[in-house]
């Protein structure tokens, strides 16, 4: 199982590639919507990509309350551990 740090690095790589974000902008405290301009359609695309990290189907409900990168990292970590 990956650590939260490893998951964060994977998410950072994926998001900088998918959404053309500067890696320096992708920090744990960054707000998905306000800081990174990730809308609901982007979020769905991201969930599909996160499936590669978890190796399991991701339920959109799991990410409904995710507001920051840290929320996403913790959710992926929890799903991976299950």
Protein backbone atom coordinates (compact mmCIF):
# COMPACT_ATOMS: atom_id res chain seq x y z
CA UNK A 1 0.00 0.00 0.00
CA UNK A 2 1.21 3.49 -0.84
CA UNK A 3 1.88 6.08 1.82
CA UNK A 4 0.03 9.40 1.79
CA UNK A 5 3.26 11.02 0.60
CA UNK A 6 3.47 8.65 -2.38
CA UNK A 7 -0.20 9.21 -3.17
CA UNK A 8 0.34 12.98 -3.03
CA UNK A 9 3.21 12.76 -5.51
CA UNK A 10 1.10 10.62 -7.87
CA UNK A 11 -1.83 13.04 -7.65
CA UNK A 12 0.48 16.01 -8.21
CA UNK A 13 1.92 14.36 -11.33
CA UNK A 14 -1.52 13.44 -12.69
CA UNK A 15 -3.04 16.87 -12.04
CA UNK A 16 -0.15 18.84 -13.48
CA UNK A 17 -0.35 16.71 -16.62
CA UNK A 18 -4.15 16.54 -16.99
CA UNK A 19 -4.99 20.13 -16.09
CA UNK A 20 -1.73 21.83 -17.09
CA UNK A 21 -1.20 23.10 -13.55
CA UNK A 22 2.17 24.21 -12.21
CA UNK A 23 3.41 21.47 -9.85
CA UNK A 24 4.31 24.17 -7.30
CA UNK A 25 0.61 25.15 -7.14
CA UNK A 26 -0.44 21.63 -6.17
CA UNK A 27 0.06 21.63 -2.42
CA UNK A 28 -1.84 19.78 0.29
CA UNK A 29 -3.73 22.91 1.36
CA UNK A 30 -4.76 23.93 -2.17
CA UNK A 31 -8.50 24.25 -2.71
CA UNK A 32 -9.58 22.22 -5.73
CA UNK A 33 -12.08 24.78 -6.96
CA UNK A 34 -10.67 28.11 -5.78
CA UNK A 35 -6.92 27.58 -6.07
CA UNK A 36 -6.73 25.05 -8.88
CA UNK A 37 -9.94 25.80 -10.80
CA UNK A 38 -11.03 22.15 -10.82
CA UNK A 39 -14.72 21.95 -11.70
CA UNK A 40 -17.06 18.98 -11.39
CA UNK A 41 -16.25 17.67 -14.89
CA UNK A 42 -12.51 17.86 -14.12
CA UNK A 43 -13.18 16.05 -10.86
CA UNK A 44 -14.84 13.14 -12.71
CA UNK A 45 -11.85 12.91 -15.06
CA UNK A 46 -9.55 12.93 -12.05
CA UNK A 47 -11.49 10.11 -10.37
CA UNK A 48 -11.11 7.95 -13.47
CA UNK A 49 -7.37 8.55 -13.35
CA UNK A 50 -7.21 7.88 -9.59
CA UNK A 51 -8.60 4.44 -10.27
CA UNK A 52 -5.11 3.62 -11.59
CA UNK A 53 -3.60 4.49 -8.20
CA UNK A 54 -6.12 2.58 -6.11
CA UNK A 55 -6.60 -0.34 -8.47
CA UNK A 56 -10.24 -0.31 -7.45
CA UNK A 57 -13.47 1.27 -8.58
CA UNK A 58 -13.96 4.69 -7.07
CA UNK A 59 -17.35 5.75 -5.82
CA UNK A 60 -17.98 9.45 -6.59
CA UNK A 61 -19.66 9.69 -3.17
CA UNK A 62 -16.25 9.14 -1.56
CA UNK A 63 -15.02 12.41 -3.04
CA UNK A 64 -18.15 14.48 -2.56
CA UNK A 65 -16.76 16.24 0.48
CA UNK A 66 -13.21 16.65 -0.90
CA UNK A 67 -12.33 20.33 -1.02
CA UNK A 68 -8.53 20.29 -0.91
CA UNK A 69 -5.67 18.20 -2.24
CA UNK A 70 -5.25 16.82 1.28
CA UNK A 71 -8.87 15.59 1.25
CA UNK A 72 -8.20 13.77 -2.03
CA UNK A 73 -4.97 12.23 -0.72
CA UNK A 74 -6.66 11.02 2.47
CA UNK A 75 -9.62 9.59 0.54
CA UNK A 76 -7.37 7.73 -1.91
CA UNK A 77 -5.31 6.42 1.02
CA UNK A 78 -8.45 5.21 2.80
CA UNK A 79 -9.79 3.51 -0.35
CA UNK A 80 -6.41 1.87 -1.00
CA UNK A 81 -6.29 0.51 2.54
CA UNK A 82 -9.76 -1.03 2.35
